[in-house]
C-alpha atoms as a PDB file:
ATOM      1  CA  MET A   1      -3.167 -22.065 -30.784  1.00  0.00           C
ATOM      2  CA  LYS A   2      -4.200 -20.158 -33.896  1.00  0.00           C
ATOM      3  CA  PRO A   3      -1.315 -18.910 -36.066  1.00  0.00           C
ATOM      4  CA  LEU A   4      -2.181 -15.277 -35.298  1.00  0.00           C
ATOM      5  CA  ASP A   5      -2.118 -15.958 -31.559  1.00  0.00           C
ATOM      6  CA  VAL A   6       1.235 -17.726 -31.879  1.00  0.00           C
ATOM      7  CA  PHE A   7       2.478 -14.583 -33.612  1.00  0.00           C
ATOM      8  CA  PHE A   8       1.118 -12.457 -30.740  1.00  0.00           C
ATOM      9  CA  ALA A   9       2.837 -14.674 -28.155  1.00  0.00           C
ATOM     10  CA  ILE A  10       6.189 -14.441 -29.933  1.00  0.00           C
ATOM     11  CA  ALA A  11       5.697 -10.694 -30.448  1.00  0.00           C
ATOM     12  CA  VAL A  12       5.142 -10.140 -26.722  1.00  0.00           C
ATOM     13  CA  ALA A  13       8.410 -11.900 -25.886  1.00  0.00           C
ATOM     14  CA  VAL A  14      10.277  -9.886 -28.528  1.00  0.00           C
ATOM     15  CA  ILE A  15       8.704  -6.575 -27.456  1.00  0.00           C
ATOM     16  CA  TRP A  16       9.406  -7.119 -23.755  1.00  0.00           C
ATOM     17  CA  GLY A  17      12.885  -8.509 -24.392  1.00  0.00           C
ATOM     18  CA  MET A  18      13.865  -5.522 -26.525  1.00  0.00           C
ATOM     19  CA  GLY A  19      12.438  -3.276 -23.812  1.00  0.00           C
ATOM     20  CA  PHE A  20      15.484  -4.045 -21.667  1.00  0.00           C
ATOM     21  CA  VAL A  21      17.775  -3.049 -24.531  1.00  0.00           C
ATOM     22  CA  VAL A  22      15.860   0.160 -25.285  1.00  0.00           C
ATOM     23  CA  ALA A  23      15.681   1.138 -21.599  1.00  0.00           C
ATOM     24  CA  LYS A  24      19.394   0.469 -21.120  1.00  0.00           C
ATOM     25  CA  ALA A  25      20.204   2.756 -24.046  1.00  0.00           C
ATOM     26  CA  ALA A  26      17.815   5.489 -22.839  1.00  0.00           C
ATOM     27  CA  MET A  27      19.424   5.458 -19.378  1.00  0.00           C
ATOM     28  CA  ASP A  28      22.522   6.990 -20.920  1.00  0.00           C
ATOM     29  CA  HIS A  29      20.446  10.186 -20.710  1.00  0.00           C
ATOM     30  CA  PHE A  30      17.579   9.710 -18.249  1.00  0.00           C
ATOM     31  CA  PRO A  31      18.061   8.256 -14.739  1.00  0.00           C
ATOM     32  CA  PRO A  32      16.067   5.014 -14.314  1.00  0.00           C
ATOM     33  CA  ILE A  33      13.189   6.158 -12.094  1.00  0.00           C
ATOM     34  CA  LEU A  34      12.567   9.287 -14.174  1.00  0.00           C
ATOM     35  CA  LEU A  35      12.605   7.117 -17.299  1.00  0.00           C
ATOM     36  CA  MET A  36       9.950   4.846 -15.775  1.00  0.00           C
ATOM     37  CA  ALA A  37       7.864   7.874 -14.740  1.00  0.00           C
ATOM     38  CA  LEU A  38       7.923   9.142 -18.321  1.00  0.00           C
ATOM     39  CA  ARG A  39       7.138   5.649 -19.600  1.00  0.00           C
ATOM     40  CA  PHE A  40       3.982   5.344 -17.481  1.00  0.00           C
ATOM     41  CA  THR A  41       2.999   8.906 -18.336  1.00  0.00           C
ATOM     42  CA  VAL A  42       2.904   7.907 -21.998  1.00  0.00           C
ATOM     43  CA  THR A  43       0.917   4.745 -21.209  1.00  0.00           C
ATOM     44  CA  ALA A  44      -1.593   6.622 -19.039  1.00  0.00           C
ATOM     45  CA  LEU A  45      -2.118   9.409 -21.605  1.00  0.00           C
ATOM     46  CA  CYS A  46      -2.675   6.790 -24.302  1.00  0.00           C
ATOM     47  CA  LEU A  47      -5.252   4.657 -22.469  1.00  0.00           C
ATOM     48  CA  VAL A  48      -7.004   6.771 -19.821  1.00  0.00           C
ATOM     49  CA  TRP A  49      -9.521   8.159 -22.337  1.00  0.00           C
ATOM     50  CA  PHE A  50     -10.898   4.712 -23.125  1.00  0.00           C
ATOM     51  CA  PHE A  51     -11.242   2.984 -19.731  1.00  0.00           C
ATOM     52  CA  LYS A  52     -13.215   4.397 -16.829  1.00  0.00           C
ATOM     53  CA  PRO A  53     -11.819   4.040 -13.296  1.00  0.00           C
ATOM     54  CA  PRO A  54     -13.150   0.885 -11.617  1.00  0.00           C
ATOM     55  CA  SER A  55     -15.536   1.704  -8.820  1.00  0.00           C
ATOM     56  CA  GLY A  56     -14.737   0.589  -5.299  1.00  0.00           C
ATOM     57  CA  ILE A  57     -11.137  -0.565  -5.807  1.00  0.00           C
ATOM     58  CA  ILE A  58      -9.188   2.617  -6.589  1.00  0.00           C
ATOM     59  CA  LYS A  59      -7.648   2.517  -3.115  1.00  0.00           C
ATOM     60  CA  ASP A  60      -6.575  -1.090  -3.662  1.00  0.00           C
ATOM     61  CA  LEU A  61      -5.215  -0.223  -7.114  1.00  0.00           C
ATOM     62  CA  PHE A  62      -3.179   2.590  -5.543  1.00  0.00           C
ATOM     63  CA  TRP A  63      -1.282   0.040  -3.425  1.00  0.00           C
ATOM     64  CA  VAL A  64      -0.995  -2.354  -6.370  1.00  0.00           C
ATOM     65  CA  ALA A  65       0.504   0.454  -8.452  1.00  0.00           C
ATOM     66  CA  LEU A  66       2.888   1.357  -5.636  1.00  0.00           C
ATOM     67  CA  VAL A  67       4.204  -2.202  -5.284  1.00  0.00           C
ATOM     68  CA  SER A  68       3.876  -3.766  -8.748  1.00  0.00           C
ATOM     69  CA  ALA A  69       4.824  -0.671 -10.770  1.00  0.00           C
ATOM     70  CA  ALA A  70       6.484   2.157  -8.834  1.00  0.00           C
ATOM     71  CA  LEU A  71       8.565   0.027  -6.462  1.00  0.00           C
ATOM     72  CA  GLN A  72       9.150  -2.916  -8.780  1.00  0.00           C
ATOM     73  CA  TYR A  73      10.241  -0.889 -11.798  1.00  0.00           C
ATOM     74  CA  SER A  74      12.359   1.437  -9.652  1.00  0.00           C
ATOM     75  CA  LEU A  75      14.241  -1.547  -8.261  1.00  0.00           C
ATOM     76  CA  THR A  76      14.550  -3.453 -11.537  1.00  0.00           C
ATOM     77  CA  PHE A  77      15.657  -0.569 -13.732  1.00  0.00           C
ATOM     78  CA  THR A  78      17.926   1.026 -11.148  1.00  0.00           C
ATOM     79  CA  GLY A  79      19.604  -2.369 -11.087  1.00  0.00           C
ATOM     80  CA  LEU A  80      19.660  -2.454 -14.892  1.00  0.00           C
ATOM     81  CA  LYS A  81      21.550   0.850 -14.837  1.00  0.00           C
ATOM     82  CA  GLY A  82      24.620  -0.900 -13.392  1.00  0.00           C
ATOM     83  CA  ILE A  83      24.632  -4.200 -15.329  1.00  0.00           C
ATOM     84  CA  ASP A  84      24.176  -5.392 -18.897  1.00  0.00           C
ATOM     85  CA  ALA A  85      20.655  -5.668 -20.282  1.00  0.00           C
ATOM     86  CA  SER A  86      21.322  -9.343 -21.071  1.00  0.00           C
ATOM     87  CA  THR A  87      22.321 -10.129 -17.471  1.00  0.00           C
ATOM     88  CA  ALA A  88      19.314  -8.259 -16.078  1.00  0.00           C
ATOM     89  CA  ALA A  89      16.943 -10.145 -18.387  1.00  0.00           C
ATOM     90  CA  LEU A  90      18.303 -13.462 -17.112  1.00  0.00           C
ATOM     91  CA  LEU A  91      17.976 -12.410 -13.452  1.00  0.00           C
ATOM     92  CA  VAL A  92      14.397 -11.233 -14.017  1.00  0.00           C
ATOM     93  CA  GLN A  93      13.432 -14.849 -14.768  1.00  0.00           C
ATOM     94  CA  LEU A  94      13.314 -15.278 -10.977  1.00  0.00           C
ATOM     95  CA  GLU A  95       9.840 -13.741 -11.235  1.00  0.00           C
ATOM     96  CA  VAL A  96       8.494 -17.178 -12.191  1.00  0.00           C
ATOM     97  CA  PRO A  97       9.734 -19.222  -9.174  1.00  0.00           C
ATOM     98  CA  PHE A  98       9.054 -16.272  -6.862  1.00  0.00           C
ATOM     99  CA  GLY A  99       5.502 -16.144  -8.219  1.00  0.00           C
ATOM    100  CA  LEU A 100       5.075 -19.886  -7.700  1.00  0.00           C
ATOM    101  CA  LEU A 101       6.401 -19.577  -4.146  1.00  0.00           C
ATOM    102  CA  MET A 102       4.076 -16.677  -3.322  1.00  0.00           C
ATOM    103  CA  GLY A 103       1.134 -18.643  -4.720  1.00  0.00           C
ATOM    104  CA  TYR A 104       2.004 -21.488  -2.370  1.00  0.00           C
ATOM    105  CA  LEU A 105       2.434 -19.241   0.691  1.00  0.00           C
ATOM    106  CA  VAL A 106      -0.637 -17.049   0.153  1.00  0.00           C
ATOM    107  CA  PHE A 107      -3.121 -19.137  -1.826  1.00  0.00           C
ATOM    108  CA  LYS A 108      -1.859 -22.617  -0.869  1.00  0.00           C
ATOM    109  CA  ASP A 109      -1.319 -23.479  -4.532  1.00  0.00           C
ATOM    110  CA  ARG A 110       0.194 -26.923  -4.961  1.00  0.00           C
ATOM    111  CA  ILE A 111       3.832 -27.211  -6.053  1.00  0.00           C
ATOM    112  CA  SER A 112       4.784 -30.516  -7.639  1.00  0.00           C
ATOM    113  CA  VAL A 113       8.134 -32.209  -7.046  1.00  0.00           C
ATOM    114  CA  LEU A 114       9.166 -31.443 -10.618  1.00  0.00           C
ATOM    115  CA  GLN A 115       8.246 -27.768 -10.225  1.00  0.00           C
ATOM    116  CA  PHE A 116      10.237 -27.629  -6.981  1.00  0.00           C
ATOM    117  CA  CYS A 117      13.246 -29.025  -8.817  1.00  0.00           C
ATOM    118  CA  GLY A 118      12.720 -26.382 -11.515  1.00  0.00           C
ATOM    119  CA  MET A 119      12.718 -23.672  -8.838  1.00  0.00           C
ATOM    120  CA  LEU A 120      15.979 -24.993  -7.413  1.00  0.00           C
ATOM    121  CA  MET A 121      17.558 -25.020 -10.869  1.00  0.00           C
ATOM    122  CA  THR A 122      16.521 -21.409 -11.435  1.00  0.00           C
ATOM    123  CA  PHE A 123      17.920 -20.293  -8.080  1.00  0.00           C
ATOM    124  CA  PHE A 124      21.160 -22.203  -8.646  1.00  0.00           C
ATOM    125  CA  GLY A 125      21.526 -20.695 -12.129  1.00  0.00           C
ATOM    126  CA  THR A 126      21.048 -17.251 -10.596  1.00  0.00           C
ATOM    127  CA  LEU A 127      23.794 -17.964  -8.050  1.00  0.00           C
ATOM    128  CA  MET A 128      26.116 -18.840 -10.929  1.00  0.00           C
ATOM    129  CA  ILE A 129      25.388 -15.482 -12.567  1.00  0.00           C
ATOM    130  CA  VAL A 130      25.802 -13.535  -9.318  1.00  0.00           C
ATOM    131  CA  GLY A 131      29.072 -15.353  -8.661  1.00  0.00           C
ATOM    132  CA  GLU A 132      30.601 -14.307 -11.991  1.00  0.00           C
ATOM    133  CA  PRO A 133      33.955 -12.602 -11.099  1.00  0.00           C
ATOM    134  CA  SER A 134      33.494  -9.882 -13.730  1.00  0.00           C
ATOM    135  CA  LEU A 135      30.302  -8.793 -11.925  1.00  0.00           C
ATOM    136  CA  ALA A 136      31.920  -8.550  -8.493  1.00  0.00           C
ATOM    137  CA  ASN A 137      31.507  -4.758  -8.459  1.00  0.00           C
ATOM    138  CA  SER A 138      27.878  -4.980  -9.584  1.00  0.00           C
ATOM    139  CA  LEU A 139      26.487  -7.061  -6.715  1.00  0.00           C
ATOM    140  CA  LEU A 140      24.238  -4.242  -5.474  1.00  0.00           C
ATOM    141  CA  HIS A 141      22.696  -3.725  -8.910  1.00  0.00           C
ATOM    142  CA  MET A 142      22.092  -7.458  -9.339  1.00  0.00           C
ATOM    143  CA  CYS A 143      20.433  -7.583  -5.913  1.00  0.00           C
ATOM    144  CA  LEU A 144      18.177  -4.692  -6.941  1.00  0.00           C
ATOM    145  CA  VAL A 145      17.040  -6.609 -10.047  1.00  0.00           C
ATOM    146  CA  ILE A 146      16.401  -9.722  -7.931  1.00  0.00           C
ATOM    147  CA  ALA A 147      14.483  -7.608  -5.391  1.00  0.00           C
ATOM    148  CA  GLY A 148      12.433  -6.235  -8.281  1.00  0.00           C
ATOM    149  CA  ALA A 149      11.591  -9.782  -9.391  1.00  0.00           C
ATOM    150  CA  PHE A 150      10.414 -10.637  -5.873  1.00  0.00           C
ATOM    151  CA  THR A 151       8.383  -7.417  -5.666  1.00  0.00           C
ATOM    152  CA  TRP A 152       6.719  -8.360  -8.952  1.00  0.00           C
ATOM    153  CA  SER A 153       5.550 -11.639  -7.407  1.00  0.00           C
ATOM    154  CA  VAL A 154       4.104  -9.750  -4.417  1.00  0.00           C
ATOM    155  CA  GLY A 155       2.300  -7.437  -6.818  1.00  0.00           C
ATOM    156  CA  GLN A 156       0.761 -10.400  -8.634  1.00  0.00           C
ATOM    157  CA  VAL A 157      -0.680 -11.671  -5.350  1.00  0.00           C
ATOM    158  CA  MET A 158      -2.187  -8.234  -4.746  1.00  0.00           C
ATOM    159  CA  LEU A 159      -3.639  -8.212  -8.268  1.00  0.00           C
ATOM    160  CA  LYS A 160      -5.136 -11.672  -7.851  1.00  0.00           C
ATOM    161  CA  ARG A 161      -6.933 -10.520  -4.699  1.00  0.00           C
ATOM    162  CA  LEU A 162      -8.756  -7.881  -6.752  1.00  0.00           C
ATOM    163  CA  GLY A 163     -10.616 -10.562  -8.696  1.00  0.00           C
ATOM    164  CA  ASP A 164     -11.656 -10.298 -12.354  1.00  0.00           C
ATOM    165  CA  VAL A 165     -11.288  -6.561 -13.013  1.00  0.00           C
ATOM    166  CA  GLY A 166     -10.118  -6.601 -16.624  1.00  0.00           C
ATOM    167  CA  GLY A 167      -6.621  -6.425 -18.028  1.00  0.00           C
ATOM    168  CA  PHE A 168      -6.895  -3.103 -19.840  1.00  0.00           C
ATOM    169  CA  ILE A 169      -8.477  -1.412 -16.819  1.00  0.00           C
ATOM    170  CA  ILE A 170      -5.638  -2.639 -14.603  1.00  0.00           C
ATOM    171  CA  VAL A 171      -2.920  -1.535 -17.043  1.00  0.00           C
ATOM    172  CA  THR A 172      -4.555   1.874 -17.508  1.00  0.00           C
ATOM    173  CA  TRP A 173      -5.165   2.756 -13.900  1.00  0.00           C
ATOM    174  CA  VAL A 174      -1.975   1.245 -12.567  1.00  0.00           C
ATOM    175  CA  ALA A 175      -0.197   3.529 -15.052  1.00  0.00           C
ATOM    176  CA  VAL A 176      -2.283   6.540 -13.971  1.00  0.00           C
ATOM    177  CA  LEU A 177      -1.614   5.905 -10.278  1.00  0.00           C
ATOM    178  CA  ALA A 178       2.029   4.870 -10.656  1.00  0.00           C
ATOM    179  CA  THR A 179       3.013   7.968 -12.649  1.00  0.00           C
ATOM    180  CA  PRO A 180       2.907  10.483  -9.741  1.00  0.00           C
ATOM    181  CA  GLN A 181       4.415   7.877  -7.414  1.00  0.00           C
ATOM    182  CA  LEU A 182       7.399   7.462  -9.731  1.00  0.00           C
ATOM    183  CA  PHE A 183       7.821  11.214 -10.238  1.00  0.00           C
ATOM    184  CA  ILE A 184       7.839  11.773  -6.461  1.00  0.00           C
ATOM    185  CA  ALA A 185      10.411   8.990  -5.984  1.00  0.00           C
ATOM    186  CA  SER A 186      12.528  10.412  -8.801  1.00  0.00           C
ATOM    187  CA  PHE A 187      12.482  13.953  -7.374  1.00  0.00           C
ATOM    188  CA  ILE A 188      13.554  12.569  -3.984  1.00  0.00           C
ATOM    189  CA  ILE A 189      16.349  10.305  -5.247  1.00  0.00           C
ATOM    190  CA  GLU A 190      17.431  11.729  -8.604  1.00  0.00           C
ATOM    191  CA  SER A 191      18.278  15.249  -9.773  1.00  0.00           C
ATOM    192  CA  ASN A 192      18.474  17.649 -12.733  1.00  0.00           C
ATOM    193  CA  HIS A 193      15.079  16.571 -14.071  1.00  0.00           C
ATOM    194  CA  PHE A 194      14.035  19.635 -16.059  1.00  0.00           C
ATOM    195  CA  GLU A 195      17.392  19.995 -17.767  1.00  0.00           C
ATOM    196  CA  LEU A 196      17.382  16.317 -18.765  1.00  0.00           C
ATOM    197  CA  ILE A 197      13.861  16.573 -20.168  1.00  0.00           C
ATOM    198  CA  ARG A 198      14.725  19.791 -22.038  1.00  0.00           C
ATOM    199  CA  THR A 199      17.869  18.371 -23.629  1.00  0.00           C
ATOM    200  CA  ALA A 200      16.575  14.895 -24.512  1.00  0.00           C
ATOM    201  CA  SER A 201      17.118  14.058 -28.175  1.00  0.00           C
ATOM    202  CA  PHE A 202      14.512  12.751 -30.603  1.00  0.00           C
ATOM    203  CA  GLU A 203      16.010   9.249 -30.292  1.00  0.00           C
ATOM    204  CA  ILE A 204      15.608   9.328 -26.506  1.00  0.00           C
ATOM    205  CA  TRP A 205      11.960  10.358 -26.796  1.00  0.00           C
ATOM    206  CA  MET A 206      11.417   7.544 -29.285  1.00  0.00           C
ATOM    207  CA  ALA A 207      12.808   5.162 -26.658  1.00  0.00           C
ATOM    208  CA  VAL A 208      10.342   6.574 -24.102  1.00  0.00           C
ATOM    209  CA  ALA A 209       7.526   6.124 -26.621  1.00  0.00           C
ATOM    210  CA  TYR A 210       8.580   2.520 -27.224  1.00  0.00           C
ATOM    211  CA  LEU A 211       8.563   1.780 -23.489  1.00  0.00           C
ATOM    212  CA  GLY A 212       5.189   3.444 -22.917  1.00  0.00           C
ATOM    213  CA  LEU A 213       3.267   2.559 -26.081  1.00  0.00           C
ATOM    214  CA  ILE A 214       4.843  -0.613 -27.457  1.00  0.00           C
ATOM    215  CA  MET A 215       6.277  -2.381 -24.417  1.00  0.00           C
ATOM    216  CA  THR A 216       3.499  -1.495 -21.960  1.00  0.00           C
ATOM    217  CA  ALA A 217       0.272  -0.655 -23.825  1.00  0.00           C
ATOM    218  CA  LEU A 218       0.616  -2.898 -26.892  1.00  0.00           C
ATOM    219  CA  GLY A 219       2.591  -5.641 -25.134  1.00  0.00           C
ATOM    220  CA  TYR A 220       0.069  -6.045 -22.331  1.00  0.00           C
ATOM    221  CA  ALA A 221      -2.854  -5.744 -24.757  1.00  0.00           C
ATOM    222  CA  MET A 222      -1.609  -8.798 -26.655  1.00  0.00           C
ATOM    223  CA  TRP A 223      -0.684 -10.589 -23.417  1.00  0.00           C
ATOM    224  CA  TYR A 224      -4.141 -10.198 -21.878  1.00  0.00           C
ATOM    225  CA  HIS A 225      -5.701 -11.214 -25.203  1.00  0.00           C
ATOM    226  CA  LEU A 226      -3.762 -14.482 -25.002  1.00  0.00           C
ATOM    227  CA  LEU A 227      -4.599 -15.075 -21.337  1.00  0.00           C
ATOM    228  CA  GLY A 228      -8.271 -14.611 -22.171  1.00  0.00           C
ATOM    229  CA  ARG A 229      -8.150 -17.323 -24.843  1.00  0.00           C
ATOM    230  CA  TYR A 230      -5.718 -19.962 -23.562  1.00  0.00           C
ATOM    231  CA  PRO A 231      -4.577 -21.562 -20.292  1.00  0.00           C
ATOM    232  CA  VAL A 232      -1.605 -19.903 -18.604  1.00  0.00           C
ATOM    233  CA  SER A 233       0.463 -23.032 -19.201  1.00  0.00           C
ATOM    234  CA  ARG A 234       0.003 -22.605 -22.976  1.00  0.00           C
ATOM    235  CA  VAL A 235       1.244 -19.023 -23.200  1.00  0.00           C
ATOM    236  CA  MET A 236       3.852 -18.739 -20.407  1.00  0.00           C
ATOM    237  CA  PRO A 237       6.481 -20.891 -22.191  1.00  0.00           C
ATOM    238  CA  PHE A 238       6.637 -18.304 -24.995  1.00  0.00           C
ATOM    239  CA  LEU A 239       8.142 -15.862 -22.489  1.00  0.00           C
ATOM    240  CA  LEU A 240      11.244 -18.055 -22.411  1.00  0.00           C
ATOM    241  CA  LEU A 241      12.091 -16.212 -25.634  1.00  0.00           C
ATOM    242  CA  LEU A 242      12.296 -12.924 -23.693  1.00  0.00           C
ATOM    243  CA  PRO A 243      15.819 -13.342 -22.262  1.00  0.00           C
ATOM    244  CA  VAL A 244      17.013 -14.802 -25.564  1.00  0.00           C
ATOM    245  CA  VAL A 245      15.853 -11.622 -27.324  1.00  0.00           C
ATOM    246  CA  ALA A 246      17.349  -9.401 -24.606  1.00  0.00           C
ATOM    247  CA  VAL A 247      20.708 -11.203 -24.715  1.00  0.00           C
ATOM    248  CA  THR A 248      20.819 -11.041 -28.527  1.00  0.00           C
ATOM    249  CA  GLY A 249      19.757  -7.393 -28.555  1.00  0.00           C
ATOM    250  CA  GLY A 250      22.330  -6.488 -25.910  1.00  0.00           C
ATOM    251  CA  ILE A 251      25.124  -8.100 -27.908  1.00  0.00           C
ATOM    252  CA  VAL A 252      24.033  -6.660 -31.276  1.00  0.00           C
ATOM    253  CA  PHE A 253      22.953  -3.139 -30.301  1.00  0.00           C
ATOM    254  CA  LEU A 254      24.827  -2.423 -27.048  1.00  0.00           C
ATOM    255  CA  ASP A 255      28.088  -4.325 -27.697  1.00  0.00           C
ATOM    256  CA  GLU A 256      27.594  -6.389 -24.538  1.00  0.00           C
ATOM    257  CA  THR A 257      29.564  -9.578 -23.929  1.00  0.00           C
ATOM    258  CA  MET A 258      28.452 -12.875 -22.419  1.00  0.00           C
ATOM    259  CA  THR A 259      30.893 -14.917 -20.315  1.00  0.00           C
ATOM    260  CA  THR A 260      30.715 -18.701 -20.196  1.00  0.00           C
ATOM    261  CA  LYS A 261      29.636 -18.695 -16.536  1.00  0.00           C
ATOM    262  CA  ILE A 262      26.809 -16.190 -17.113  1.00  0.00           C
ATOM    263  CA  LEU A 263      25.664 -18.145 -20.169  1.00  0.00           C
ATOM    264  CA  ALA A 264      25.696 -21.429 -18.232  1.00  0.00           C
ATOM    265  CA  GLY A 265      23.810 -19.890 -15.334  1.00  0.00           C
ATOM    266  CA  GLY A 266      21.314 -18.335 -17.712  1.00  0.00           C
ATOM    267  CA  VAL A 267      20.682 -21.610 -19.512  1.00  0.00           C
ATOM    268  CA  MET A 268      20.177 -23.396 -16.178  1.00  0.00           C
ATOM    269  CA  SER A 269      17.766 -20.691 -15.029  1.00  0.00           C
ATOM    270  CA  LEU A 270      15.766 -20.911 -18.259  1.00  0.00           C
ATOM    271  CA  ILE A 271      15.537 -24.702 -18.021  1.00  0.00           C
ATOM    272  CA  GLY A 272      14.260 -24.306 -14.462  1.00  0.00           C
ATOM    273  CA  VAL A 273      11.710 -21.710 -15.547  1.00  0.00           C
ATOM    274  CA  ALA A 274      10.618 -23.970 -18.419  1.00  0.00           C
ATOM    275  CA  ILE A 275      10.012 -26.834 -15.981  1.00  0.00           C
ATOM    276  CA  VAL A 276       8.018 -24.578 -13.657  1.00  0.00           C
ATOM    277  CA  THR A 277       5.824 -23.061 -16.382  1.00  0.00           C
ATOM    278  CA  ILE A 278       5.303 -26.027 -18.686  1.00  0.00           C
ATOM    279  CA  ARG A 279       4.441 -28.325 -15.806  1.00  0.00           C
ATOM    280  CA  SER A 280       2.072 -25.822 -14.196  1.00  0.00           C
ATOM    281  CA  LYS A 281      -1.536 -26.887 -13.810  1.00  0.00           C
ATOM    282  CA  PRO A 282      -3.515 -25.397 -16.739  1.00  0.00           C
ATOM    283  CA  GLN A 283      -5.523 -22.360 -15.636  1.00  0.00           C
ATOM    284  CA  ARG A 284      -7.661 -19.809 -17.395  1.00  0.00           C
END
């Protein structure tokens, strides 16, 4: 990989990893689903002027947005509300084995013995995290994050069925379609919206801007740039830096702590994810 592309790959992991930390801090003011609605509003307003709606698949994109954005982010970040950002970032790594499993079930993608062992390691590491005694009262929130990881894998199957649409078009119109979905869900489940928006501080709005512009628009722009140039197996391992960044950011900026059992489970999960991604068959 070219040095600039290596920089992009590392930057994506850092940007997405810090997104958990920023979102966790912003949820001291905004409830999680409203925060995600504002995030996608920013993304949509930034990109919609540059990318026309794809003809013939808007209906399909509506369902993709509902599953891969509205539902997935509602689950993941509602779960994040009740646990540390570092713990959530480790649990989210289940997206990789879930994605591999969905590829096998839907597209009959081959899973090697080594990849299967990596999946088992990831699941076992997750069980170690879930079984941490200090998280006994947070089981529901951890299950929500895990459910969000599974929903992400379902959304990727739906995206793959759309064919080669274009990364920026997908990001733009998923954001456009997911924004009203998230606002509706927030108005049904959460409360006090207008007062929270009116009283949000400058720092909170900067967090929303980071989530919408940096984490989503810029992060996915660099990610799709990399996927267009290199096989998936070359760029996916860089995302192993994501939980490392989230754990470090949680400890430094949010005063979070990491128990030995959570750390051990996280390391086991990351090793499993590394085996799954690095041993994946190279694809464009």
